[in-house]
Amino acid sequence: MSSILSISAKQNLSVLVFAEVSANHNQSFDTAVELINKAKECGADAVKFQAYTPETLTIDCDNEYFQIEHPEWGGQTLYELYKKAYTPWEWLGKLKKVADEVGIIFLCTAFDKTSVDLLEGLDICAHKISSFELVDLPLIEYVAKTGKPLIMSTGMADLSEIAEAVDTARKAGAEEISLLKCVSSYPANPEDMNLRTIPDMKERFGCPVGFSDHSMGIGASVCAVALGAAIIEKHFTLSRKIETPDSFFSIEPQELKELVENIRIAEKALGKVHYGLTEDERKSRTFRRSLFVVEDVKKGEVFTNSNIKSIRPANG
C-alpha cells in the first residue's frame, strides 16, 4: 500500500489539517459558510462536514437504551441529539462550491450507503468513516468500491476490529487508506490517548496514520505530529460561547491558526536524521574553546595548566 495519501491533488508530504465542523454550524447555513471561510483563513487544508440524518443513524424512541447519559448531551434521546446536530443534505452541494471557490478541500463523513451516493454525486475527493461506523463492514466495502481515498477513525476499536476494517477495504479495492488514532470521549483526556500507538499502527497496517483529536487545546495534536501523524482532525467552532452539541470541546479560530502554525514548526523541527554542522552552526563554531597561552612563557619553559587555558573563542 502507498505511504502517500493524495487528497484533491494535495499529498501528505506535509501534515494535512482537517477543520471538523460537525454540528457547529448550529443549523445555520450562513454560519456553515463562515466556518469554511475561517478554516481557510486559519490555514487548514480541509473543512469537513457530516452527512447523516437522525433517521439514518437511529430511530425516534425514548426507550432507556436510546437515552443519553453525558454531562453535555444528557436528558435527551439519540434521535433528539442528532436532529439538533445534523447538516441538512441540501446544503452540502452549496457548501462544497463555497469551499472550492475559496480554495479549501471539502470533505464529508458518510454514515450509510445513501450518504455515500450523495457524496459521490458531489464528486467528493475522498471518503471518511467515523469511529462509530468502523464496525459497519458493508459500509466500508461500499465506500472502498468508489476507488476514492479512504480515511477511517479508530476510536473504541481493538486491534482485531481495525484489522478487519482495513482488510475489508483493501479486498473491496481501496488503494489509498489512512487510519486516524482516536479516543471517542468528549472531551478526551490526554492520559487516555496513547499516541505512541501512531507509529505502531503505521508499521502494522502499512498506511499513513493521523490523529482525530477530541481533547481540549492543541498540545496533543502537535505531539501526534512529532510521532508521525500525517493528518490532524480537530473540531472547530466560531466560539465556544455559541451553544451547539459539539462546541464545548471544539477549538476557536485563533486556536486553529495556532495549531496550524505549531504543526508547521514541528514539521520543520523534525527534519531528518542528521549529524554534523548546519550552515549557521559553522559561524557559531568560532566560539568553541581552544588553547590560549595566558601568561608570558620563556623559550624552553614547559606549558602548564597555569600558563595554558582552554577558553573561548576557537582562534587559539
Protein backbone atom coordinates (compact mmCIF):
# COMPACT_ATOMS: atom_id res chain seq x y z
CA MET A 1 0.00 0.00 0.00
CA SER A 2 1.11 3.55 -0.67
CA SER A 3 2.51 5.62 2.19
CA ILE A 4 1.21 8.74 0.45
CA LEU A 5 -2.42 9.78 0.75
CA SER A 6 -3.47 12.01 -2.15
CA ILE A 7 -6.44 14.23 -1.46
CA SER A 8 -7.58 16.70 -4.09
CA ALA A 9 -4.10 16.72 -5.65
CA LYS A 10 -2.53 17.50 -2.24
CA GLN A 11 -0.25 14.81 -0.88
CA ASN A 12 0.61 14.32 2.75
CA LEU A 13 4.23 15.27 2.23
CA SER A 14 3.16 17.81 4.83
CA VAL A 15 0.63 17.16 7.57
CA LEU A 16 -2.97 17.65 6.44
CA VAL A 17 -5.08 19.66 8.89
CA PHE A 18 -8.84 19.00 8.85
CA ALA A 19 -11.20 21.52 10.47
CA GLU A 20 -14.21 19.43 11.51
CA VAL A 21 -17.42 21.49 11.53
CA SER A 22 -19.76 18.69 12.64
CA ALA A 23 -22.69 20.35 14.47
CA ASN A 24 -21.00 23.72 14.94
CA HIS A 25 -22.98 25.37 12.15
CA ASN A 26 -25.85 25.37 14.67
CA GLN A 27 -28.39 24.75 11.88
CA SER A 28 -27.39 28.00 10.15
CA PHE A 29 -26.20 27.86 6.53
CA ASP A 30 -24.55 31.27 6.88
CA THR A 31 -22.61 30.03 9.90
CA ALA A 32 -21.50 26.99 7.93
CA VAL A 33 -20.19 29.27 5.18
CA GLU A 34 -18.41 31.44 7.74
CA LEU A 35 -16.76 28.35 9.22
CA ILE A 36 -15.46 27.38 5.78
CA ASN A 37 -14.01 30.84 5.26
CA LYS A 38 -12.47 30.91 8.74
CA ALA A 39 -10.94 27.46 8.29
CA LYS A 40 -9.25 28.64 5.11
CA GLU A 41 -8.14 31.88 6.75
CA CYS A 42 -6.59 29.93 9.63
CA GLY A 43 -4.56 27.74 7.29
CA ALA A 44 -6.47 24.45 7.46
CA ASP A 45 -6.08 22.17 4.44
CA ALA A 46 -9.63 20.84 4.55
CA VAL A 47 -13.01 21.60 6.10
CA LYS A 48 -15.18 18.62 6.96
CA PHE A 49 -18.90 18.12 7.46
CA GLN A 50 -21.01 15.05 8.27
CA ALA A 51 -23.69 13.52 6.06
CA TYR A 52 -26.37 11.88 8.14
CA THR A 53 -29.94 12.46 9.24
CA PRO A 54 -31.48 11.34 12.53
CA GLU A 55 -33.24 8.57 10.61
CA THR A 56 -30.04 7.19 9.07
CA LEU A 57 -28.41 6.84 12.49
CA THR A 58 -31.18 5.75 14.84
CA ILE A 59 -34.94 5.64 15.45
CA ASP A 60 -37.19 8.04 17.33
CA CYS A 61 -37.52 6.07 20.55
CA ASP A 62 -37.37 7.05 24.21
CA ASN A 63 -36.55 3.55 25.44
CA GLU A 64 -33.79 3.61 28.07
CA TYR A 65 -31.28 2.23 25.54
CA PHE A 66 -31.77 5.35 23.40
CA GLN A 67 -31.39 7.81 26.30
CA ILE A 68 -28.08 9.68 26.56
CA GLU A 69 -26.09 9.94 29.77
CA HIS A 70 -23.45 12.62 29.32
CA PRO A 71 -22.70 15.91 31.14
CA GLU A 72 -23.30 17.94 27.97
CA TRP A 73 -25.72 15.77 25.98
CA GLY A 74 -27.75 14.09 28.70
CA GLY A 75 -31.51 14.43 29.17
CA GLN A 76 -32.37 13.63 25.56
CA THR A 77 -32.54 10.71 23.19
CA LEU A 78 -30.10 9.90 20.41
CA TYR A 79 -32.72 10.94 17.87
CA GLU A 80 -33.19 14.34 19.55
CA LEU A 81 -29.43 14.95 19.66
CA TYR A 82 -28.89 14.06 16.01
CA LYS A 83 -31.85 16.23 14.99
CA LYS A 84 -30.05 19.22 16.51
CA ALA A 85 -26.66 18.26 15.14
CA TYR A 86 -27.17 17.09 11.56
CA THR A 87 -26.26 19.07 8.46
CA PRO A 88 -29.18 19.42 6.01
CA TRP A 89 -28.22 17.45 2.92
CA GLU A 90 -29.43 20.16 0.57
CA TRP A 91 -26.63 22.37 1.94
CA LEU A 92 -23.77 20.06 1.03
CA GLY A 93 -23.51 20.83 -2.68
CA LYS A 94 -23.61 24.56 -1.96
CA LEU A 95 -21.03 24.25 0.81
CA LYS A 96 -18.70 22.30 -1.45
CA LYS A 97 -18.99 25.06 -4.03
CA VAL A 98 -18.06 27.65 -1.40
CA ALA A 99 -15.06 25.56 -0.34
CA ASP A 100 -13.95 25.11 -3.95
CA GLU A 101 -14.20 28.86 -4.54
CA VAL A 102 -12.09 29.81 -1.51
CA GLY A 103 -9.55 27.07 -2.18
CA ILE A 104 -10.00 24.65 0.70
CA ILE A 105 -10.62 20.90 0.38
CA PHE A 106 -14.22 19.87 1.13
CA LEU A 107 -14.63 16.58 2.97
CA CYS A 108 -17.66 14.90 4.47
CA THR A 109 -18.18 11.78 6.57
CA ALA A 110 -20.61 9.22 5.19
CA PHE A 111 -22.69 7.18 7.62
CA ASP A 112 -24.70 4.92 5.31
CA LYS A 113 -24.96 3.96 1.64
CA THR A 114 -27.39 6.78 0.81
CA SER A 115 -24.93 9.38 2.09
CA VAL A 116 -22.13 7.74 0.11
CA ASP A 117 -24.25 8.05 -3.03
CA LEU A 118 -24.99 11.68 -2.20
CA LEU A 119 -21.30 12.50 -1.76
CA GLU A 120 -20.33 10.62 -4.90
CA GLY A 121 -22.84 12.80 -6.74
CA LEU A 122 -20.90 15.82 -5.47
CA ASP A 123 -17.65 14.24 -6.73
CA ILE A 124 -16.08 14.38 -3.29
CA CYS A 125 -12.33 13.75 -3.43
CA ALA A 126 -12.09 11.30 -0.50
CA HIS A 127 -14.35 9.47 1.93
CA LYS A 128 -14.26 9.40 5.73
CA ILE A 129 -15.60 6.69 8.04
CA SER A 130 -16.25 7.66 11.66
CA SER A 131 -15.11 5.63 14.65
CA PHE A 132 -18.66 4.56 15.37
CA GLU A 133 -19.04 3.12 11.85
CA LEU A 134 -15.69 1.30 11.79
CA VAL A 135 -17.51 -1.96 12.55
CA ASP A 136 -20.01 -1.41 9.69
CA LEU A 137 -18.14 -3.60 7.23
CA PRO A 138 -20.79 -3.43 4.47
CA LEU A 139 -20.50 0.38 4.56
CA ILE A 140 -16.70 0.22 4.40
CA GLU A 141 -16.90 -2.18 1.45
CA TYR A 142 -19.37 0.10 -0.33
CA VAL A 143 -17.15 3.15 0.16
CA ALA A 144 -14.00 1.28 -0.85
CA LYS A 145 -15.57 0.32 -4.17
CA THR A 146 -15.74 4.01 -5.14
CA GLY A 147 -11.97 3.93 -5.56
CA LYS A 148 -11.59 7.18 -3.63
CA PRO A 149 -9.02 7.64 -0.84
CA LEU A 150 -10.48 6.30 2.40
CA ILE A 151 -9.86 7.72 5.88
CA MET A 152 -11.09 5.71 8.87
CA SER A 153 -11.14 6.78 12.52
CA THR A 154 -10.40 4.06 15.05
CA GLY A 155 -11.90 5.24 18.34
CA MET A 156 -13.21 2.44 20.60
CA ALA A 157 -11.78 -0.21 18.26
CA ASP A 158 -9.48 -3.01 19.32
CA LEU A 159 -6.68 -4.24 17.08
CA SER A 160 -8.74 -7.03 15.52
CA GLU A 161 -11.55 -4.63 14.59
CA ILE A 162 -9.13 -2.22 12.94
CA ALA A 163 -7.51 -5.09 11.05
CA GLU A 164 -10.89 -6.35 9.86
CA ALA A 165 -11.89 -2.88 8.64
CA VAL A 166 -8.62 -2.41 6.75
CA ASP A 167 -8.80 -5.90 5.27
CA THR A 168 -12.40 -5.30 4.14
CA ALA A 169 -11.45 -2.01 2.49
CA ARG A 170 -8.45 -3.48 0.69
CA LYS A 171 -10.33 -6.52 -0.58
CA ALA A 172 -13.01 -4.18 -1.95
CA GLY A 173 -10.41 -2.25 -3.92
CA ALA A 174 -9.31 0.64 -1.69
CA GLU A 175 -5.75 1.54 -2.64
CA GLU A 176 -5.29 4.65 -0.53
CA ILE A 177 -6.21 4.13 3.11
CA SER A 178 -5.39 6.28 6.10
CA LEU A 179 -6.22 5.50 9.71
CA LEU A 180 -6.80 8.06 12.45
CA LYS A 181 -5.85 7.30 16.04
CA CYS A 182 -8.80 8.49 18.08
CA VAL A 183 -10.27 8.45 21.57
CA SER A 184 -14.06 8.64 21.36
CA SER A 185 -14.58 10.62 24.56
CA TYR A 186 -15.85 14.19 24.57
CA PRO A 187 -13.63 15.82 25.61
CA ALA A 188 -10.87 13.22 25.54
CA ASN A 189 -8.35 13.00 28.38
CA PRO A 190 -4.68 13.21 27.34
CA GLU A 191 -3.77 10.27 29.59
CA ASP A 192 -6.12 8.07 27.55
CA MET A 193 -4.62 8.91 24.15
CA ASN A 194 -1.59 6.60 23.97
CA LEU A 195 -0.22 8.46 20.97
CA ARG A 196 2.76 6.11 20.77
CA THR A 197 0.29 3.82 19.01
CA ILE A 198 0.60 6.02 15.90
CA PRO A 199 3.98 4.71 14.64
CA ASP A 200 2.99 1.16 15.61
CA MET A 201 -0.27 1.44 13.65
CA LYS A 202 1.62 2.83 10.67
CA GLU A 203 4.01 -0.14 10.71
CA ARG A 204 1.30 -2.75 11.26
CA PHE A 205 -1.04 -1.60 8.51
CA GLY A 206 1.40 -0.05 6.05
CA CYS A 207 -0.55 3.16 5.57
CA PRO A 208 -0.48 6.80 6.68
CA VAL A 209 -1.81 7.31 10.21
CA GLY A 210 -3.21 10.52 11.64
CA PHE A 211 -4.96 11.70 14.78
CA SER A 212 -8.57 12.72 15.33
CA ASP A 213 -8.20 14.88 18.42
CA HIS A 214 -11.15 15.39 20.77
CA SER A 215 -9.08 16.86 23.60
CA MET A 216 -9.09 20.46 24.74
CA GLY A 217 -6.33 22.65 23.34
CA ILE A 218 -3.75 21.86 20.68
CA GLY A 219 -0.93 20.17 22.58
CA ALA A 220 -1.93 16.58 21.84
CA SER A 221 -2.19 17.28 18.12
CA VAL A 222 1.29 18.77 17.92
CA CYS A 223 2.62 15.80 19.90
CA ALA A 224 0.96 13.45 17.41
CA VAL A 225 2.78 15.17 14.55
CA ALA A 226 6.08 14.55 16.33
CA LEU A 227 5.15 10.85 16.41
CA GLY A 228 4.49 10.76 12.68
CA ALA A 229 0.82 11.73 12.28
CA ALA A 230 0.06 12.53 8.64
CA ILE A 231 -3.38 14.03 9.33
CA ILE A 232 -4.74 16.08 12.22
CA GLU A 233 -8.51 16.37 12.56
CA LYS A 234 -9.89 18.84 15.09
CA HIS A 235 -13.44 20.04 15.79
CA PHE A 236 -13.77 23.74 15.01
CA THR A 237 -16.25 26.41 16.12
CA LEU A 238 -16.54 30.16 15.72
CA SER A 239 -16.88 30.43 19.50
CA ARG A 240 -17.36 28.03 22.39
CA LYS A 241 -19.85 30.56 23.73
CA ILE A 242 -22.20 29.52 20.92
CA GLU A 243 -24.01 26.50 22.32
CA THR A 244 -24.01 23.59 19.88
CA PRO A 245 -23.74 19.86 20.59
CA ASP A 246 -20.00 19.97 19.83
CA SER A 247 -18.83 23.47 20.73
CA PHE A 248 -17.72 22.60 24.26
CA PHE A 249 -14.76 20.51 23.02
CA SER A 250 -14.02 22.44 19.80
CA ILE A 251 -11.26 24.94 19.13
CA GLU A 252 -11.88 28.54 18.08
CA PRO A 253 -10.33 30.33 15.07
CA GLN A 254 -7.31 31.71 16.92
CA GLU A 255 -6.59 28.25 18.30
CA LEU A 256 -6.91 26.68 14.86
CA LYS A 257 -4.47 29.23 13.50
CA GLU A 258 -2.04 28.45 16.33
CA LEU A 259 -2.49 24.73 15.71
CA VAL A 260 -1.57 25.05 12.05
CA GLU A 261 1.40 27.31 12.85
CA ASN A 262 2.71 24.92 15.51
CA ILE A 263 2.29 21.91 13.23
CA ARG A 264 4.31 23.64 10.52
CA ILE A 265 7.02 24.46 13.08
CA ALA A 266 7.00 20.84 14.28
CA GLU A 267 7.38 19.57 10.70
CA LYS A 268 10.43 21.76 10.17
CA ALA A 269 11.91 20.85 13.55
CA LEU A 270 11.54 17.10 12.93
CA GLY A 271 13.68 17.32 9.81
CA LYS A 272 15.75 14.21 9.09
CA VAL A 273 18.43 12.08 10.73
CA HIS A 274 21.50 14.30 10.56
CA TYR A 275 24.84 14.54 12.32
CA GLY A 276 27.20 17.43 11.77
CA LEU A 277 27.07 21.16 11.29
CA THR A 278 24.37 23.31 9.82
CA GLU A 279 25.40 26.41 7.90
CA ASP A 280 24.51 28.65 10.84
CA GLU A 281 26.49 26.42 13.20
CA ARG A 282 29.64 26.99 11.15
CA LYS A 283 29.57 30.60 12.32
CA SER A 284 28.95 29.54 15.91
CA ARG A 285 31.90 27.15 15.80
CA THR A 286 34.29 30.08 16.08
CA PHE A 287 33.11 30.46 19.69
CA ARG A 288 34.21 26.96 20.69
CA ARG A 289 37.05 26.54 23.15
CA SER A 290 40.67 26.42 22.04
CA LEU A 291 44.05 26.64 23.76
CA PHE A 292 45.50 30.05 24.57
CA VAL A 293 48.74 30.98 26.28
CA VAL A 294 47.57 33.21 29.13
CA GLU A 295 50.96 34.03 30.70
CA ASP A 296 54.33 35.01 29.33
CA VAL A 297 56.27 31.84 28.55
CA LYS A 298 60.02 31.84 28.10
CA LYS A 299 61.83 29.81 25.50
CA GLY A 300 62.20 26.25 26.76
CA GLU A 301 59.64 26.70 29.53
CA VAL A 302 57.11 23.88 29.93
CA PHE A 303 53.44 24.51 29.26
CA THR A 304 51.29 24.01 32.38
CA ASN A 305 47.68 24.33 33.44
CA SER A 306 48.56 27.78 34.70
CA ASN A 307 50.01 29.27 31.54
CA ILE A 308 47.79 27.43 29.07
CA LYS A 309 44.00 27.52 29.24
CA SER A 310 41.15 26.10 27.19
CA ILE A 311 38.91 29.10 26.62
CA ARG A 312 36.68 30.64 24.01
CA PRO A 313 36.97 31.58 21.09
CA ALA A 314 38.34 28.93 18.74
CA ASN A 315 41.19 31.05 17.37
CA GLY A 316 43.86 29.77 19.78
